[in-house]
Amino acid sequence: MSHEAKVISPIPGVFYRKPSPDKEVYVNEGDSVKAGDTIALVEVMKSFNEIKTEISGTVGKFLILDEDMIEAGQEIATIIEE
């Protein structure tokens, strides 16, 4: 039985799915991830903070668009844990 979990941003800032503009996204919807994998970045005052998943599973859906401003505690993606 699968379980859907949310990835939550611990900090406010600008959300990025790529490590830099000329690189590929960390993960796409449908990709497998392991606990501790980086799935995005949040920029706060020119400091880039990795957002990591706490569980292993499949990326279900990103709930935030690239370069959106986000708040601390905001849901940014779902992970389907199997």
C-alpha atoms as a PDB file:
ATOM      1  CA  MET A   1       0.000   0.000   0.000  1.00  0.00           C
ATOM      2  CA  SER A   2       1.419   3.394  -0.956  1.00  0.00           C
ATOM      3  CA  HIS A   3       1.417   6.500   1.192  1.00  0.00           C
ATOM      4  CA  GLU A   4       1.730  10.101  -0.010  1.00  0.00           C
ATOM      5  CA  ALA A   5       3.990  12.399   2.007  1.00  0.00           C
ATOM      6  CA  LYS A   6       4.662  16.113   1.557  1.00  0.00           C
ATOM      7  CA  VAL A   7       8.063  17.757   1.248  1.00  0.00           C
ATOM      8  CA  ILE A   8       7.924  20.955   3.320  1.00  0.00           C
ATOM      9  CA  SER A   9      10.199  23.984   3.003  1.00  0.00           C
ATOM     10  CA  PRO A  10      11.818  24.774   6.346  1.00  0.00           C
ATOM     11  CA  ILE A  11      12.563  28.361   5.266  1.00  0.00           C
ATOM     12  CA  PRO A  12      11.038  31.161   3.184  1.00  0.00           C
ATOM     13  CA  GLY A  13      12.669  32.300  -0.047  1.00  0.00           C
ATOM     14  CA  VAL A  14      12.765  31.742  -3.794  1.00  0.00           C
ATOM     15  CA  PHE A  15      12.172  28.153  -4.929  1.00  0.00           C
ATOM     16  CA  TYR A  16      14.392  26.619  -7.626  1.00  0.00           C
ATOM     17  CA  ARG A  17      14.195  23.138  -9.147  1.00  0.00           C
ATOM     18  CA  LYS A  18      17.713  23.414 -10.684  1.00  0.00           C
ATOM     19  CA  PRO A  19      21.132  23.929  -9.079  1.00  0.00           C
ATOM     20  CA  SER A  20      21.791  26.731 -11.622  1.00  0.00           C
ATOM     21  CA  PRO A  21      20.038  28.164 -14.701  1.00  0.00           C
ATOM     22  CA  ASP A  22      22.149  26.134 -17.152  1.00  0.00           C
ATOM     23  CA  LYS A  23      21.688  22.781 -15.351  1.00  0.00           C
ATOM     24  CA  GLU A  24      18.932  20.172 -15.462  1.00  0.00           C
ATOM     25  CA  VAL A  25      16.305  19.954 -12.703  1.00  0.00           C
ATOM     26  CA  TYR A  26      17.219  17.841  -9.679  1.00  0.00           C
ATOM     27  CA  VAL A  27      14.238  15.515 -10.167  1.00  0.00           C
ATOM     28  CA  ASN A  28      11.115  15.274 -12.298  1.00  0.00           C
ATOM     29  CA  GLU A  29       7.658  14.075 -11.371  1.00  0.00           C
ATOM     30  CA  GLY A  30       7.743  10.276 -11.565  1.00  0.00           C
ATOM     31  CA  ASP A  31      11.446   9.989 -10.645  1.00  0.00           C
ATOM     32  CA  SER A  32      12.533   7.696  -7.819  1.00  0.00           C
ATOM     33  CA  VAL A  33      14.251   9.350  -4.843  1.00  0.00           C
ATOM     34  CA  LYS A  34      15.966   8.084  -1.728  1.00  0.00           C
ATOM     35  CA  ALA A  35      15.774   9.687   1.712  1.00  0.00           C
ATOM     36  CA  GLY A  36      18.319  12.511   1.785  1.00  0.00           C
ATOM     37  CA  ASP A  37      18.202  13.250  -1.965  1.00  0.00           C
ATOM     38  CA  THR A  38      18.131  16.944  -2.909  1.00  0.00           C
ATOM     39  CA  ILE A  39      15.012  17.793  -4.890  1.00  0.00           C
ATOM     40  CA  ALA A  40      15.228  21.617  -4.975  1.00  0.00           C
ATOM     41  CA  LEU A  41      16.856  24.768  -3.604  1.00  0.00           C
ATOM     42  CA  VAL A  42      15.487  27.726  -1.672  1.00  0.00           C
ATOM     43  CA  GLU A  43      17.411  30.985  -1.949  1.00  0.00           C
ATOM     44  CA  VAL A  44      17.448  33.343   1.005  1.00  0.00           C
ATOM     45  CA  MET A  45      19.573  36.498   0.725  1.00  0.00           C
ATOM     46  CA  LYS A  46      21.952  34.914  -1.846  1.00  0.00           C
ATOM     47  CA  SER A  47      22.333  31.772   0.277  1.00  0.00           C
ATOM     48  CA  PHE A  48      21.150  28.599  -1.476  1.00  0.00           C
ATOM     49  CA  ASN A  49      19.680  25.934   0.808  1.00  0.00           C
ATOM     50  CA  GLU A  50      19.109  22.385  -0.407  1.00  0.00           C
ATOM     51  CA  ILE A  51      15.676  20.885   0.145  1.00  0.00           C
ATOM     52  CA  LYS A  52      15.972  17.147   0.717  1.00  0.00           C
ATOM     53  CA  THR A  53      13.361  14.445   0.920  1.00  0.00           C
ATOM     54  CA  GLU A  54      13.059  12.637   4.231  1.00  0.00           C
ATOM     55  CA  ILE A  55      11.619   9.464   2.687  1.00  0.00           C
ATOM     56  CA  SER A  56      12.303   7.216  -0.274  1.00  0.00           C
ATOM     57  CA  GLY A  57       9.705   6.835  -3.002  1.00  0.00           C
ATOM     58  CA  THR A  58       8.504   8.403  -6.242  1.00  0.00           C
ATOM     59  CA  VAL A  59       8.085  12.136  -6.816  1.00  0.00           C
ATOM     60  CA  GLY A  60       4.347  12.588  -7.237  1.00  0.00           C
ATOM     61  CA  LYS A  61       3.836  16.256  -7.998  1.00  0.00           C
ATOM     62  CA  PHE A  62       5.539  19.598  -7.518  1.00  0.00           C
ATOM     63  CA  LEU A  63       3.138  22.024  -5.836  1.00  0.00           C
ATOM     64  CA  ILE A  64       5.282  25.131  -6.486  1.00  0.00           C
ATOM     65  CA  LEU A  65       6.482  26.628  -9.769  1.00  0.00           C
ATOM     66  CA  ASP A  66      10.160  27.316 -10.379  1.00  0.00           C
ATOM     67  CA  GLU A  67      11.216  30.755  -9.085  1.00  0.00           C
ATOM     68  CA  ASP A  68       8.085  31.197  -6.938  1.00  0.00           C
ATOM     69  CA  MET A  69       8.389  32.886  -3.552  1.00  0.00           C
ATOM     70  CA  ILE A  70       7.566  30.400  -0.809  1.00  0.00           C
ATOM     71  CA  GLU A  71       6.981  30.548   2.930  1.00  0.00           C
ATOM     72  CA  ALA A  72       8.463  28.445   5.721  1.00  0.00           C
ATOM     73  CA  GLY A  73       6.243  25.412   6.223  1.00  0.00           C
ATOM     74  CA  GLN A  74       4.868  25.528   2.679  1.00  0.00           C
ATOM     75  CA  GLU A  75       4.347  22.214   0.873  1.00  0.00           C
ATOM     76  CA  ILE A  76       6.537  22.039  -2.226  1.00  0.00           C
ATOM     77  CA  ALA A  77       6.158  18.473  -3.514  1.00  0.00           C
ATOM     78  CA  THR A  78       4.607  15.096  -2.837  1.00  0.00           C
ATOM     79  CA  ILE A  79       6.511  11.821  -2.525  1.00  0.00           C
ATOM     80  CA  ILE A  80       4.661   8.549  -2.948  1.00  0.00           C
ATOM     81  CA  GLU A  81       6.163   6.108  -0.472  1.00  0.00           C
ATOM     82  CA  GLU A  82       5.636   2.436  -1.254  1.00  0.00           C
END
